[in-house]
Amino acid sequence: MGATASADLITELDAALKDDSAGRRLRTLQRLSELLLSCAERLNPAQIGLFDDLLVRLLDCVGVHALAQLSAVMAELAAAPKQTVRHLARHQNPVVAGPLLSKSNVLLDADLIEIAKNRSQLHLAAVADRPNLNEALTDLIIKMAGKEAACVLVRNPTARFSSRGLTVLLAAAARDETIAESLGLRPDLPVATLQALLSRTTGAVRVRLLEAAPAELRTTIEAGIDGIGEQAKPQPPEPEDHSDAHAAVAALSRTGKLNDSTVNRFAIRREYANVVAALSLLSGATVETIAPLLDQIGGEGLIVACRASRLNWQTTQAVLNNRRVPPHSTEQLEYAKQMFEMLFVSTAQYTIRFEFPAGSGAVSGPTGSAAVAAGGPA
């Protein structure tokens, strides 16, 4: 692109910006976009920079449809104008931002982290679909993701997960069959994590995994299912009447005395009805949702409930280790702490209130430890 062409573009842009006609501005943007697409591979950095300066001046002058078209073009360019890409990727409308968040190699990890923290779940799902996501980014996405973004991430074949991330995904899979199936079909899933996943899923999910898995993975899944065996599950305890405890704990709440210290004391004294009432009041979930979580061997649901209740880790640990099931080992507690710290309070509150049906916290598997969930030692 020569000096004459550059001057002509600048002259046309200046005229378009001075003109109140939206149509002229749109035509100028389209011409710039088409020209860039046709010659981007031959341009040097200075020439790309010129396009960048011109495009940025037009971005606030056209509508969402035009910006979405420009975003789709920018997403296909290996050497796209950086300012333009970053501006479009931060757009409030995911239709504009999505193509770049999913594909553009111009965006740095720092850009993606900022956008993931400050935009919608649809933006987050677009980031979750990027190739070769590293553990730091997948940890962030898992921490912030709702169901849709989590599903996109688990289906991303090149995403890499930390042990903490797998711990949280496994807990999500225990209550969501779509996540369970996508996670179980990952060829990079550690064998111990697959075993823990299979122990928590229903027979129907296991059948679907066997049907969908390629031959080499099917063999691993079959071995995992065989390893589960027919271990006997402990009988659930008799239903308790929580009405008196709920009234007493509600009185503490009204006077501002329902806090970490109080719940910690309930847990250490094994006052189960009071623990249930406290978690119900603090998290906003029903007693029927909370009560079965005390007998869940792995404790994942209880961790969600404690996080939703804004309790600290020390109190959560006391709740986990003072139940009718065996206490966690040191290693299991470390993985449980990682899961706890990965959860946003808002995510935990939504999950415990709307994604845990009443009575869903029954024992989810024969081992159920957070250590096994993360692929670590049981």
Protein backbone atom coordinates (compact mmCIF):
# COMPACT_ATOMS: atom_id res chain seq x y z
CA MET A 1 0.00 0.00 0.00
CA GLY A 2 1.64 3.20 -1.17
CA ALA A 3 1.71 6.71 0.22
CA THR A 4 -0.96 7.86 -2.26
CA ALA A 5 -3.37 5.12 -1.18
CA SER A 6 -2.72 5.95 2.47
CA ALA A 7 -3.44 9.62 1.89
CA ASP A 8 -6.63 8.76 0.01
CA LEU A 9 -7.85 6.58 2.88
CA ILE A 10 -7.16 9.29 5.44
CA THR A 11 -8.94 11.87 3.29
CA GLU A 12 -11.94 9.58 2.88
CA LEU A 13 -12.04 8.87 6.61
CA ASP A 14 -11.88 12.53 7.54
CA ALA A 15 -14.73 13.27 5.16
CA ALA A 16 -16.79 10.38 6.54
CA LEU A 17 -16.29 11.53 10.13
CA LYS A 18 -17.36 15.07 9.28
CA ASP A 19 -20.40 13.76 7.42
CA ASP A 20 -23.42 13.03 9.58
CA SER A 21 -24.41 10.24 7.21
CA ALA A 22 -24.25 6.86 8.95
CA GLY A 23 -24.27 5.25 5.54
CA ARG A 24 -21.06 6.97 4.46
CA ARG A 25 -19.27 5.97 7.67
CA LEU A 26 -20.42 2.40 7.22
CA ARG A 27 -19.20 2.32 3.62
CA THR A 28 -15.82 3.68 4.70
CA LEU A 29 -15.52 1.01 7.39
CA GLN A 30 -16.44 -1.71 4.92
CA ARG A 31 -13.92 -0.45 2.37
CA LEU A 32 -11.15 -0.40 4.97
CA SER A 33 -12.08 -3.89 6.14
CA GLU A 34 -12.17 -5.33 2.62
CA LEU A 35 -8.88 -3.69 1.68
CA LEU A 36 -7.18 -4.96 4.82
CA LEU A 37 -8.47 -8.49 4.25
CA SER A 38 -7.19 -8.50 0.67
CA CYS A 39 -3.65 -7.34 1.42
CA ALA A 40 -2.95 -8.04 5.12
CA GLU A 41 -0.31 -10.70 4.39
CA ARG A 42 1.73 -8.21 2.35
CA LEU A 43 1.61 -5.31 4.81
CA ASN A 44 4.41 -4.35 7.16
CA PRO A 45 3.78 -3.41 10.81
CA ALA A 46 3.69 0.32 10.04
CA GLN A 47 1.00 -0.21 7.40
CA ILE A 48 -1.02 -2.42 9.73
CA GLY A 49 -0.69 0.38 12.28
CA LEU A 50 -2.15 2.85 9.79
CA PHE A 51 -5.20 0.65 9.29
CA ASP A 52 -5.45 0.36 13.07
CA ASP A 53 -5.54 4.12 13.53
CA LEU A 54 -8.17 4.52 10.81
CA LEU A 55 -10.41 1.71 12.03
CA VAL A 56 -10.35 2.79 15.69
CA ARG A 57 -11.64 6.21 14.69
CA LEU A 58 -14.70 4.60 13.11
CA LEU A 59 -15.61 2.04 15.77
CA ASP A 60 -17.82 4.36 17.79
CA CYS A 61 -19.57 5.68 14.68
CA VAL A 62 -21.25 2.52 13.38
CA GLY A 63 -23.77 0.02 14.72
CA VAL A 64 -23.46 -3.42 16.28
CA HIS A 65 -24.10 -5.28 13.01
CA ALA A 66 -21.19 -3.57 11.27
CA LEU A 67 -18.93 -4.14 14.26
CA ALA A 68 -19.82 -7.83 14.33
CA GLN A 69 -18.90 -8.12 10.65
CA LEU A 70 -15.60 -6.35 11.27
CA SER A 71 -14.90 -8.60 14.26
CA ALA A 72 -15.40 -11.71 12.09
CA VAL A 73 -12.86 -10.34 9.60
CA MET A 74 -10.34 -9.44 12.31
CA ALA A 75 -10.62 -12.92 13.85
CA GLU A 76 -9.31 -14.50 10.64
CA LEU A 77 -6.21 -12.31 10.34
CA ALA A 78 -2.91 -13.53 11.76
CA ALA A 79 -1.60 -9.95 11.92
CA ALA A 80 -4.75 -8.02 12.78
CA PRO A 81 -4.62 -4.39 14.01
CA LYS A 82 -4.07 -4.65 17.76
CA GLN A 83 -6.02 -1.63 19.02
CA THR A 84 -9.01 -2.54 16.87
CA VAL A 85 -9.01 -6.15 18.06
CA ARG A 86 -8.74 -5.20 21.72
CA HIS A 87 -11.48 -2.60 21.40
CA LEU A 88 -13.87 -5.03 19.72
CA ALA A 89 -13.03 -7.90 22.09
CA ARG A 90 -14.08 -5.72 25.03
CA HIS A 91 -17.42 -4.80 23.48
CA GLN A 92 -20.42 -5.31 25.76
CA ASN A 93 -22.26 -7.25 23.05
CA PRO A 94 -20.96 -10.85 22.81
CA VAL A 95 -21.96 -10.99 19.15
CA VAL A 96 -19.25 -8.40 18.50
CA ALA A 97 -16.66 -9.70 20.96
CA GLY A 98 -17.20 -13.45 20.50
CA PRO A 99 -15.27 -14.20 17.26
CA LEU A 100 -12.15 -12.47 18.55
CA LEU A 101 -12.36 -14.01 22.01
CA SER A 102 -12.60 -17.45 20.42
CA LYS A 103 -9.90 -17.10 17.76
CA SER A 104 -7.73 -14.00 17.69
CA ASN A 105 -4.05 -14.58 18.45
CA VAL A 106 -3.59 -10.85 18.95
CA LEU A 107 -5.21 -11.02 22.38
CA LEU A 108 -2.83 -11.66 25.27
CA ASP A 109 -3.62 -13.66 28.40
CA ALA A 110 -3.86 -10.37 30.30
CA ASP A 111 -6.55 -9.17 27.86
CA LEU A 112 -8.52 -12.40 28.23
CA ILE A 113 -8.33 -12.34 32.03
CA GLU A 114 -9.60 -8.76 32.18
CA ILE A 115 -12.45 -9.50 29.78
CA ALA A 116 -13.41 -12.74 31.54
CA LYS A 117 -13.66 -10.91 34.85
CA ASN A 118 -15.74 -8.00 33.55
CA ARG A 119 -18.06 -9.30 30.86
CA SER A 120 -20.96 -11.72 30.51
CA GLN A 121 -21.19 -15.50 30.61
CA LEU A 122 -21.43 -15.47 26.80
CA HIS A 123 -18.09 -13.66 26.64
CA LEU A 124 -16.70 -16.25 29.05
CA ALA A 125 -18.01 -19.10 26.89
CA ALA A 126 -16.23 -17.58 23.86
CA VAL A 127 -12.95 -17.46 25.80
CA ALA A 128 -13.55 -21.05 26.93
CA ASP A 129 -13.63 -22.12 23.27
CA ARG A 130 -10.14 -20.79 22.45
CA PRO A 131 -7.50 -23.32 21.42
CA ASN A 132 -4.65 -24.20 23.78
CA LEU A 133 -5.95 -22.53 26.93
CA ASN A 134 -3.42 -22.80 29.76
CA GLU A 135 -4.15 -23.80 33.37
CA ALA A 136 -4.26 -20.22 34.66
CA LEU A 137 -7.01 -19.31 32.20
CA THR A 138 -9.00 -22.50 32.68
CA ASP A 139 -8.83 -22.04 36.46
CA LEU A 140 -10.29 -18.53 36.05
CA ILE A 141 -13.01 -19.70 33.68
CA ILE A 142 -14.00 -22.56 36.00
CA LYS A 143 -14.12 -20.17 38.94
CA MET A 144 -16.49 -17.79 37.12
CA ALA A 145 -18.36 -20.10 34.76
CA GLY A 146 -22.03 -20.89 34.75
CA LYS A 147 -23.26 -24.12 33.19
CA GLU A 148 -22.93 -23.04 29.54
CA ALA A 149 -19.37 -21.74 29.81
CA ALA A 150 -18.33 -24.79 31.85
CA CYS A 151 -19.74 -27.12 29.20
CA VAL A 152 -17.90 -25.27 26.42
CA LEU A 153 -14.66 -25.46 28.38
CA VAL A 154 -14.91 -29.18 29.14
CA ARG A 155 -15.58 -29.89 25.45
CA ASN A 156 -12.50 -27.88 24.39
CA PRO A 157 -10.04 -30.65 23.41
CA THR A 158 -6.89 -28.51 23.76
CA ALA A 159 -7.70 -26.86 27.10
CA ARG A 160 -5.32 -27.81 29.92
CA PHE A 161 -6.58 -28.19 33.49
CA SER A 162 -4.89 -27.92 36.86
CA SER A 163 -5.66 -30.38 39.65
CA ARG A 164 -7.70 -27.64 41.34
CA GLY A 165 -9.71 -27.10 38.18
CA LEU A 166 -10.42 -30.80 37.81
CA THR A 167 -11.60 -30.92 41.43
CA VAL A 168 -14.25 -28.28 40.75
CA LEU A 169 -15.26 -29.77 37.40
CA LEU A 170 -15.72 -33.18 38.98
CA ALA A 171 -17.97 -31.67 41.64
CA ALA A 172 -20.00 -30.00 38.87
CA ALA A 173 -20.16 -33.28 36.94
CA ALA A 174 -21.71 -34.99 39.97
CA ARG A 175 -24.85 -32.88 39.48
CA ASP A 176 -24.78 -32.24 35.71
CA GLU A 177 -24.82 -35.14 33.27
CA THR A 178 -23.77 -32.99 30.30
CA ILE A 179 -20.57 -31.96 32.05
CA ALA A 180 -20.05 -35.53 33.27
CA GLU A 181 -20.25 -36.95 29.75
CA SER A 182 -17.98 -34.30 28.22
CA LEU A 183 -15.44 -34.72 31.01
CA GLY A 184 -15.49 -38.50 30.76
CA LEU A 185 -14.71 -38.38 27.04
CA ARG A 186 -11.53 -36.34 27.45
CA PRO A 187 -8.55 -38.54 26.50
CA ASP A 188 -6.26 -36.46 28.75
CA LEU A 189 -8.30 -37.07 31.91
CA PRO A 190 -6.17 -38.68 34.66
CA VAL A 191 -7.21 -42.26 35.35
CA ALA A 192 -7.93 -41.55 39.04
CA THR A 193 -10.19 -38.64 38.06
CA LEU A 194 -12.03 -40.81 35.52
CA GLN A 195 -12.50 -43.47 38.21
CA ALA A 196 -13.94 -40.90 40.60
CA LEU A 197 -16.19 -39.51 37.86
CA LEU A 198 -17.56 -42.95 37.00
CA SER A 199 -18.24 -43.68 40.67
CA ARG A 200 -20.46 -40.58 40.86
CA THR A 201 -22.41 -40.95 37.63
CA THR A 202 -25.59 -42.87 36.90
CA GLY A 203 -25.69 -46.08 34.95
CA ALA A 204 -27.25 -44.21 32.01
CA VAL A 205 -24.30 -41.82 31.83
CA ARG A 206 -21.85 -44.72 31.91
CA VAL A 207 -23.67 -46.39 29.02
CA ARG A 208 -23.59 -43.18 26.96
CA LEU A 209 -19.87 -42.77 27.69
CA LEU A 210 -19.17 -46.29 26.46
CA GLU A 211 -21.21 -45.68 23.31
CA ALA A 212 -19.53 -42.37 22.48
CA ALA A 213 -15.92 -43.18 23.40
CA PRO A 214 -13.34 -44.18 20.78
CA ALA A 215 -11.96 -47.69 21.10
CA GLU A 216 -8.85 -46.89 23.17
CA LEU A 217 -10.78 -44.72 25.62
CA ARG A 218 -13.64 -47.22 25.81
CA THR A 219 -11.23 -49.80 27.21
CA THR A 220 -10.18 -47.39 29.97
CA ILE A 221 -13.80 -46.56 30.80
CA GLU A 222 -14.74 -50.24 30.95
CA ALA A 223 -11.87 -50.88 33.35
CA GLY A 224 -13.00 -47.96 35.48
CA ILE A 225 -16.56 -49.24 35.65
CA ASP A 226 -15.32 -52.72 36.56
CA GLY A 227 -13.22 -51.17 39.33
CA ILE A 228 -16.22 -49.55 40.95
CA GLY A 229 -17.69 -52.90 41.91
CA GLU A 230 -20.80 -53.30 43.96
CA GLN A 231 -19.64 -51.61 47.13
CA ALA A 232 -22.40 -51.16 49.62
CA LYS A 233 -23.52 -47.65 50.30
CA PRO A 234 -24.22 -46.62 53.89
CA GLN A 235 -27.83 -46.29 54.77
CA PRO A 236 -29.03 -42.71 55.03
CA PRO A 237 -29.89 -41.59 58.55
CA GLU A 238 -33.44 -41.19 59.71
CA PRO A 239 -34.95 -37.83 58.75
CA GLU A 240 -34.50 -35.21 61.45
CA ASP A 241 -36.93 -32.54 62.56
CA HIS A 242 -35.13 -29.24 61.97
CA SER A 243 -37.98 -26.91 62.93
CA ASP A 244 -36.80 -26.15 66.49
CA ALA A 245 -33.19 -25.70 65.38
CA HIS A 246 -34.28 -23.44 62.53
CA ALA A 247 -36.24 -21.22 64.92
CA ALA A 248 -33.33 -20.99 67.38
CA VAL A 249 -30.76 -20.25 64.69
CA ALA A 250 -33.06 -17.71 63.03
CA ALA A 251 -33.18 -15.87 66.38
CA LEU A 252 -29.37 -15.75 66.40
CA SER A 253 -29.44 -14.41 62.85
CA ARG A 254 -31.84 -11.61 63.75
CA THR A 255 -29.52 -10.43 66.51
CA GLY A 256 -26.40 -10.59 64.34
CA LYS A 257 -24.92 -13.57 66.17
CA LEU A 258 -24.98 -16.07 63.33
CA ASN A 259 -21.39 -16.05 62.09
CA ASP A 260 -18.30 -18.21 61.56
CA SER A 261 -17.70 -18.61 65.26
CA THR A 262 -21.24 -19.82 65.88
CA VAL A 263 -21.27 -22.30 63.00
CA ASN A 264 -17.81 -23.56 64.00
CA ARG A 265 -19.12 -24.24 67.50
CA PHE A 266 -22.17 -26.08 66.11
CA ALA A 267 -19.89 -28.24 63.98
CA ILE A 268 -17.43 -29.13 66.73
CA ARG A 269 -20.31 -30.05 69.06
CA ARG A 270 -21.84 -32.10 66.22
CA GLU A 271 -25.11 -30.23 66.54
CA TYR A 272 -26.18 -31.36 63.09
CA ALA A 273 -29.62 -29.79 63.09
CA ASN A 274 -28.11 -26.42 64.00
CA VAL A 275 -25.46 -26.72 61.28
CA VAL A 276 -28.17 -27.47 58.71
CA ALA A 277 -30.31 -24.56 59.88
CA ALA A 278 -27.35 -22.18 59.85
CA LEU A 279 -26.25 -23.14 56.33
CA SER A 280 -29.83 -22.88 55.11
CA LEU A 281 -30.28 -19.38 56.51
CA LEU A 282 -26.87 -18.10 55.44
CA SER A 283 -26.88 -19.56 51.92
CA GLY A 284 -30.54 -19.06 51.03
CA ALA A 285 -31.03 -22.76 50.24
CA THR A 286 -33.76 -24.91 51.72
CA VAL A 287 -33.24 -27.21 54.68
CA GLU A 288 -34.21 -30.10 52.38
CA THR A 289 -31.30 -29.20 50.10
CA ILE A 290 -28.73 -28.75 52.88
CA ALA A 291 -29.53 -31.68 55.17
CA PRO A 292 -28.39 -34.54 52.86
CA LEU A 293 -25.07 -32.79 52.23
CA LEU A 294 -23.86 -33.64 55.73
CA ASP A 295 -23.85 -37.31 54.73
CA GLN A 296 -22.19 -36.86 51.34
CA ILE A 297 -18.87 -38.68 51.60
CA GLY A 298 -16.89 -36.45 49.25
CA GLY A 299 -18.28 -33.26 50.76
CA GLU A 300 -18.32 -31.29 47.49
CA GLY A 301 -21.90 -30.12 47.95
CA LEU A 302 -21.17 -29.11 51.53
CA ILE A 303 -18.20 -27.03 50.35
CA VAL A 304 -20.51 -25.21 47.92
CA ALA A 305 -23.01 -24.60 50.75
CA CYS A 306 -20.33 -23.21 53.09
CA ARG A 307 -18.93 -20.96 50.38
CA ALA A 308 -22.43 -19.73 49.57
CA SER A 309 -22.88 -18.97 53.27
CA ARG A 310 -19.74 -16.76 53.22
CA LEU A 311 -18.06 -18.93 55.84
CA ASN A 312 -14.26 -18.99 56.02
CA TRP A 313 -12.15 -22.06 55.33
CA GLN A 314 -11.53 -22.83 59.03
CA THR A 315 -15.27 -23.11 59.66
CA THR A 316 -15.80 -25.12 56.48
CA GLN A 317 -13.08 -27.53 57.56
CA ALA A 318 -14.75 -27.95 60.95
CA VAL A 319 -18.06 -28.71 59.23
CA LEU A 320 -16.43 -31.26 56.91
CA ASN A 321 -14.59 -33.10 59.66
CA ASN A 322 -17.33 -33.26 62.27
CA ARG A 323 -19.99 -35.33 60.52
CA ARG A 324 -21.32 -38.88 60.60
CA VAL A 325 -18.99 -39.89 57.76
CA PRO A 326 -15.22 -40.44 58.14
CA PRO A 327 -13.23 -37.19 58.39
CA HIS A 328 -11.06 -36.06 55.49
CA SER A 329 -7.36 -36.86 55.49
CA THR A 330 -4.80 -34.06 55.34
CA GLU A 331 -4.38 -34.55 51.59
CA GLN A 332 -8.13 -34.67 51.00
CA LEU A 333 -8.56 -31.46 52.98
CA GLU A 334 -5.93 -29.75 50.84
CA TYR A 335 -7.85 -30.60 47.68
CA ALA A 336 -11.11 -29.56 49.33
CA LYS A 337 -9.52 -26.22 50.25
CA GLN A 338 -8.46 -25.72 46.65
CA MET A 339 -12.02 -26.29 45.51
CA PHE A 340 -13.32 -23.90 48.19
CA GLU A 341 -10.93 -21.15 47.10
CA MET A 342 -11.80 -21.65 43.44
CA LEU A 343 -15.48 -20.89 44.02
CA PHE A 344 -16.88 -17.38 43.81
CA VAL A 345 -19.51 -16.71 46.50
CA SER A 346 -22.03 -15.66 43.82
CA THR A 347 -21.48 -18.86 41.84
CA ALA A 348 -21.83 -21.00 44.96
CA GLN A 349 -25.04 -19.20 45.94
CA TYR A 350 -26.63 -19.72 42.53
CA THR A 351 -25.56 -23.36 42.51
CA ILE A 352 -26.87 -24.24 45.96
CA ARG A 353 -30.16 -22.40 45.47
CA PHE A 354 -31.06 -23.42 41.94
CA GLU A 355 -28.92 -26.35 40.76
CA PHE A 356 -29.16 -28.64 43.82
CA PRO A 357 -32.65 -30.19 43.93
CA ALA A 358 -33.88 -31.09 47.40
CA GLY A 359 -32.37 -34.35 48.55
CA SER A 360 -29.60 -34.28 45.91
CA GLY A 361 -26.80 -34.39 48.43
CA ALA A 362 -27.08 -38.10 49.12
CA VAL A 363 -23.86 -40.06 49.05
CA SER A 364 -22.48 -39.71 45.54
CA GLY A 365 -19.98 -42.48 45.35
CA PRO A 366 -18.13 -45.18 47.25
CA THR A 367 -15.06 -43.04 47.93
CA GLY A 368 -16.00 -39.54 47.00
CA SER A 369 -12.84 -37.86 48.27
CA ALA A 370 -11.69 -34.54 46.89
CA ALA A 371 -8.22 -36.03 46.56
CA VAL A 372 -9.40 -38.72 44.18
CA ALA A 373 -11.47 -36.10 42.35
CA ALA A 374 -8.33 -34.17 41.58
CA GLY A 375 -6.34 -37.19 40.54
CA GLY A 376 -4.29 -37.14 43.73
CA PRO A 377 -3.80 -39.70 46.46
CA ALA A 378 -6.85 -40.91 48.34
